[in-house]
Amino acid sequence: MEEPLLRIDETSGTLVAPQAGGLVTETSPERDELLALVGASWTAFAQELGMPNLRLVATEPAPGVDLLAFDEQSGRAVVLYVTGETVEWQIGRALAAAAEVAGWDAARLSDVSDALEAVVPGDSPQLILVAGGYDPRAVATLEWLRRTHGVEAATFSVSVLRFGNERLLSVHREPRDGQGSDTAAQVQWMLTGAQPAPDAAEAPSAQALASTPPPKA
């Protein structure tokens, strides 16, 4: 399966498309670096999220609100909250950021950006979490809030791969529905066409299929 990824340009501090080559998995970026990269490369990052209709309107407009965007299709505010690591407070702080924006009146929305004049004051914003990893309880909690209470929230994880002297940023929607977790192998396949080794969980099934005799005529 193809994995979306972007190269981290160390010189310009932006995200750009990668070239083919060998890849080595590295640790995820620290929160401050990840926040700076996303803010400086919003158009490219929004494309990787599959949300090109999101327009960045403010960076840290209030304490705890990392990035604020405007959904040009729905006419709603979108809060993007960033954590560079797996921590138990991800959900609480992200929801607090969304609640902060939901409490703004028309004047406050307009002060932040003219684009937000189209937002209905008091309307709950959409919520996007971006992190190097998630506490499983955080993902389960957000899924429960989405299914049971209609909270519009999406979670994305990022991972970093080393390509020579450069770093590549890979973005994944969470949860991954049982997809393989070997990011380097999957990206290597995307860039070079080399077939990655099957995941350990998939290998027994593949062997079983290969050893099953065809049905009798």
Protein backbone atom coordinates (compact mmCIF):
# COMPACT_ATOMS: atom_id res chain seq x y z
CA MET A 1 0.00 0.00 0.00
CA GLU A 2 1.26 3.48 -0.84
CA GLU A 3 2.15 5.72 2.10
CA PRO A 4 1.98 9.52 1.79
CA LEU A 5 5.22 11.22 2.73
CA LEU A 6 7.08 14.48 2.33
CA ARG A 7 10.77 15.33 2.56
CA ILE A 8 11.83 17.70 5.34
CA ASP A 9 14.02 20.37 3.74
CA GLU A 10 16.46 21.25 6.53
CA THR A 11 17.62 24.43 4.78
CA SER A 12 14.27 26.09 4.13
CA GLY A 13 12.37 24.43 7.00
CA THR A 14 9.59 23.29 4.64
CA LEU A 15 8.10 20.02 3.34
CA VAL A 16 8.72 18.94 -0.28
CA ALA A 17 8.28 15.82 -2.44
CA PRO A 18 10.94 13.05 -2.01
CA GLN A 19 13.18 11.19 -4.46
CA ALA A 20 13.73 7.43 -4.64
CA GLY A 21 16.44 5.80 -2.51
CA GLY A 22 17.25 3.88 0.66
CA LEU A 23 15.24 4.70 3.76
CA VAL A 24 15.95 4.36 7.48
CA THR A 25 13.32 4.88 10.18
CA GLU A 26 14.04 7.65 12.69
CA THR A 27 12.31 9.02 15.77
CA SER A 28 9.36 11.36 15.27
CA PRO A 29 9.98 15.15 15.37
CA GLU A 30 9.67 17.02 18.63
CA ARG A 31 6.44 18.94 19.02
CA ASP A 32 7.95 22.39 18.36
CA GLU A 33 9.67 21.24 15.17
CA LEU A 34 6.58 19.44 13.91
CA LEU A 35 4.38 22.46 14.61
CA ALA A 36 6.82 24.76 12.79
CA LEU A 37 7.05 22.45 9.78
CA VAL A 38 3.30 22.08 9.43
CA GLY A 39 2.71 25.81 9.78
CA ALA A 40 5.40 26.69 7.22
CA SER A 41 4.17 24.10 4.69
CA TRP A 42 0.43 24.12 5.18
CA THR A 43 -0.64 23.57 1.57
CA ALA A 44 1.56 20.51 1.15
CA PHE A 45 0.57 19.11 4.55
CA ALA A 46 -3.16 19.63 3.97
CA GLN A 47 -2.81 17.67 0.74
CA GLU A 48 -1.21 14.79 2.66
CA LEU A 49 -4.11 14.84 5.10
CA GLY A 50 -6.48 14.53 2.16
CA MET A 51 -8.03 17.89 3.11
CA PRO A 52 -6.91 20.38 0.45
CA ASN A 53 -9.96 22.55 1.17
CA LEU A 54 -8.50 23.61 4.54
CA ARG A 55 -7.01 27.10 4.59
CA LEU A 56 -4.67 28.04 7.43
CA VAL A 57 -5.79 31.31 9.00
CA ALA A 58 -3.86 31.56 12.28
CA THR A 59 -0.95 30.05 14.21
CA GLU A 60 -1.42 29.86 17.98
CA PRO A 61 -4.25 32.44 18.09
CA ALA A 62 -4.87 31.53 21.74
CA PRO A 63 -3.03 29.53 24.42
CA GLY A 64 -3.42 25.82 23.66
CA VAL A 65 -4.72 26.37 20.11
CA ASP A 66 -1.84 25.35 17.84
CA LEU A 67 -3.20 25.99 14.35
CA LEU A 68 -6.56 27.28 13.20
CA ALA A 69 -7.88 26.64 9.71
CA PHE A 70 -11.04 27.40 7.77
CA ASP A 71 -12.85 24.68 5.82
CA GLU A 72 -13.84 26.43 2.61
CA GLN A 73 -16.37 23.70 1.77
CA SER A 74 -18.26 23.48 5.05
CA GLY A 75 -17.68 27.06 6.22
CA ARG A 76 -16.47 25.83 9.61
CA ALA A 77 -13.41 26.42 11.76
CA VAL A 78 -10.87 23.60 12.11
CA VAL A 79 -8.52 23.26 15.08
CA LEU A 80 -5.29 21.34 14.49
CA TYR A 81 -3.51 20.21 17.64
CA VAL A 82 0.05 18.86 17.53
CA THR A 83 1.91 16.57 19.95
CA GLY A 84 5.29 15.16 19.01
CA GLU A 85 4.99 12.07 21.18
CA THR A 86 2.59 9.55 22.68
CA VAL A 87 1.19 11.06 25.86
CA GLU A 88 -1.90 10.43 27.94
CA TRP A 89 -3.07 14.06 27.89
CA GLN A 90 -3.42 14.30 24.10
CA ILE A 91 -7.21 14.08 24.15
CA GLY A 92 -7.81 16.50 27.03
CA ARG A 93 -5.72 19.33 25.61
CA ALA A 94 -7.02 18.85 22.07
CA LEU A 95 -10.64 19.00 23.25
CA ALA A 96 -9.82 22.06 25.37
CA ALA A 97 -8.45 23.78 22.25
CA ALA A 98 -11.66 23.01 20.34
CA ALA A 99 -13.76 24.27 23.27
CA GLU A 100 -11.78 27.52 23.33
CA VAL A 101 -12.59 28.26 19.68
CA ALA A 102 -16.23 27.19 20.12
CA GLY A 103 -16.56 29.84 22.82
CA TRP A 104 -15.54 32.74 20.57
CA ASP A 105 -18.15 35.27 19.54
CA ALA A 106 -18.39 36.84 16.08
CA ALA A 107 -16.08 39.73 17.00
CA ARG A 108 -13.35 37.40 18.27
CA LEU A 109 -13.60 35.19 15.18
CA SER A 110 -13.32 38.23 12.93
CA ASP A 111 -10.32 39.55 14.87
CA VAL A 112 -8.44 36.31 14.24
CA SER A 113 -9.18 36.22 10.50
CA ASP A 114 -11.62 37.71 8.01
CA ALA A 115 -12.20 34.18 6.72
CA LEU A 116 -13.76 33.23 10.06
CA GLU A 117 -16.57 35.75 9.59
CA ALA A 118 -18.39 32.90 7.80
CA VAL A 119 -18.20 30.70 10.92
CA VAL A 120 -21.31 30.49 13.11
CA PRO A 121 -20.35 31.65 16.63
CA GLY A 122 -20.69 28.84 19.16
CA ASP A 123 -20.46 26.15 16.46
CA SER A 124 -18.09 23.34 17.46
CA PRO A 125 -15.00 23.35 15.23
CA GLN A 126 -13.68 20.26 13.54
CA LEU A 127 -10.67 18.80 15.36
CA ILE A 128 -7.52 17.32 13.85
CA LEU A 129 -4.80 15.74 16.00
CA VAL A 130 -1.30 15.21 14.62
CA ALA A 131 1.21 13.24 16.69
CA GLY A 132 4.25 11.02 16.53
CA GLY A 133 2.12 8.32 18.17
CA TYR A 134 -1.03 7.79 20.18
CA ASP A 135 -1.97 6.22 23.44
CA PRO A 136 -4.48 3.55 22.27
CA ARG A 137 -6.95 4.89 24.80
CA ALA A 138 -6.82 8.30 23.12
CA VAL A 139 -7.78 6.89 19.72
CA ALA A 140 -10.51 4.72 21.27
CA THR A 141 -11.90 7.72 23.16
CA LEU A 142 -12.05 9.89 20.05
CA GLU A 143 -13.70 7.10 18.07
CA TRP A 144 -16.32 6.80 20.83
CA LEU A 145 -16.91 10.57 20.86
CA ARG A 146 -17.26 10.57 17.08
CA ARG A 147 -19.66 7.62 16.88
CA THR A 148 -21.75 8.33 19.98
CA HIS A 149 -21.70 12.11 20.35
CA GLY A 150 -21.01 13.35 16.83
CA VAL A 151 -17.67 14.98 17.64
CA GLU A 152 -15.92 15.63 14.34
CA ALA A 153 -12.34 14.61 15.08
CA ALA A 154 -9.61 12.99 13.01
CA THR A 155 -6.27 11.60 14.17
CA PHE A 156 -3.10 11.42 12.08
CA SER A 157 0.28 10.01 13.04
CA VAL A 158 3.58 11.09 11.52
CA SER A 159 6.84 9.18 11.24
CA VAL A 160 10.25 10.20 9.95
CA LEU A 161 12.53 8.26 7.59
CA ARG A 162 16.15 9.09 6.80
CA PHE A 163 17.01 9.31 3.09
CA GLY A 164 20.75 9.97 2.81
CA ASN A 165 21.25 13.36 4.40
CA GLU A 166 17.56 14.19 4.24
CA ARG A 167 14.50 13.30 6.29
CA LEU A 168 11.09 12.26 4.97
CA LEU A 169 7.83 12.83 6.80
CA SER A 170 5.18 10.13 6.41
CA VAL A 171 1.55 10.83 7.37
CA HIS A 172 -1.03 8.17 8.32
CA ARG A 173 -4.70 8.33 9.27
CA GLU A 174 -5.45 6.59 12.57
CA PRO A 175 -6.65 4.00 13.34
CA ARG A 176 -5.16 2.07 10.43
CA ASP A 177 -7.64 -0.82 10.38
CA GLY A 178 -5.00 -3.52 10.73
CA GLN A 179 -2.68 -2.26 8.01
CA GLY A 180 1.00 -3.20 8.17
CA SER A 181 3.22 -1.05 10.38
CA ASP A 182 6.53 -1.41 8.49
CA THR A 183 6.59 2.13 7.13
CA ALA A 184 10.10 1.96 5.67
CA ALA A 185 9.30 -1.17 3.65
CA GLN A 186 6.06 0.28 2.34
CA VAL A 187 7.66 3.59 1.33
CA GLN A 188 10.58 1.77 -0.30
CA TRP A 189 8.02 -0.10 -2.41
CA MET A 190 6.30 3.16 -3.35
CA LEU A 191 9.54 4.84 -4.43
CA THR A 192 11.31 1.95 -6.18
CA GLY A 193 8.66 -0.65 -6.98
CA ALA A 194 10.46 -3.24 -4.83
CA GLN A 195 8.01 -5.65 -3.22
CA PRO A 196 8.08 -5.35 0.60
CA ALA A 197 8.14 -8.47 2.72
CA PRO A 198 4.69 -9.51 3.99
CA ASP A 199 3.80 -8.51 7.53
CA ALA A 200 4.25 -11.20 10.14
CA ALA A 201 0.51 -11.21 10.78
CA GLU A 202 -0.19 -11.76 7.09
CA ALA A 203 2.42 -14.46 6.49
CA PRO A 204 0.49 -17.39 8.06
CA SER A 205 -2.58 -16.56 6.01
CA ALA A 206 -0.55 -16.40 2.82
CA GLN A 207 1.10 -19.75 3.61
CA ALA A 208 -2.26 -21.30 4.38
CA LEU A 209 -3.65 -20.17 1.06
CA ALA A 210 -0.63 -21.54 -0.77
CA SER A 211 -0.93 -24.95 0.91
CA THR A 212 -4.68 -25.31 0.47
CA PRO A 213 -5.44 -27.78 -2.33
CA PRO A 214 -7.85 -26.69 -5.07
CA PRO A 215 -11.46 -27.89 -4.76
CA LYS A 216 -12.33 -31.16 -6.43
CA ALA A 217 -14.18 -30.92 -9.70
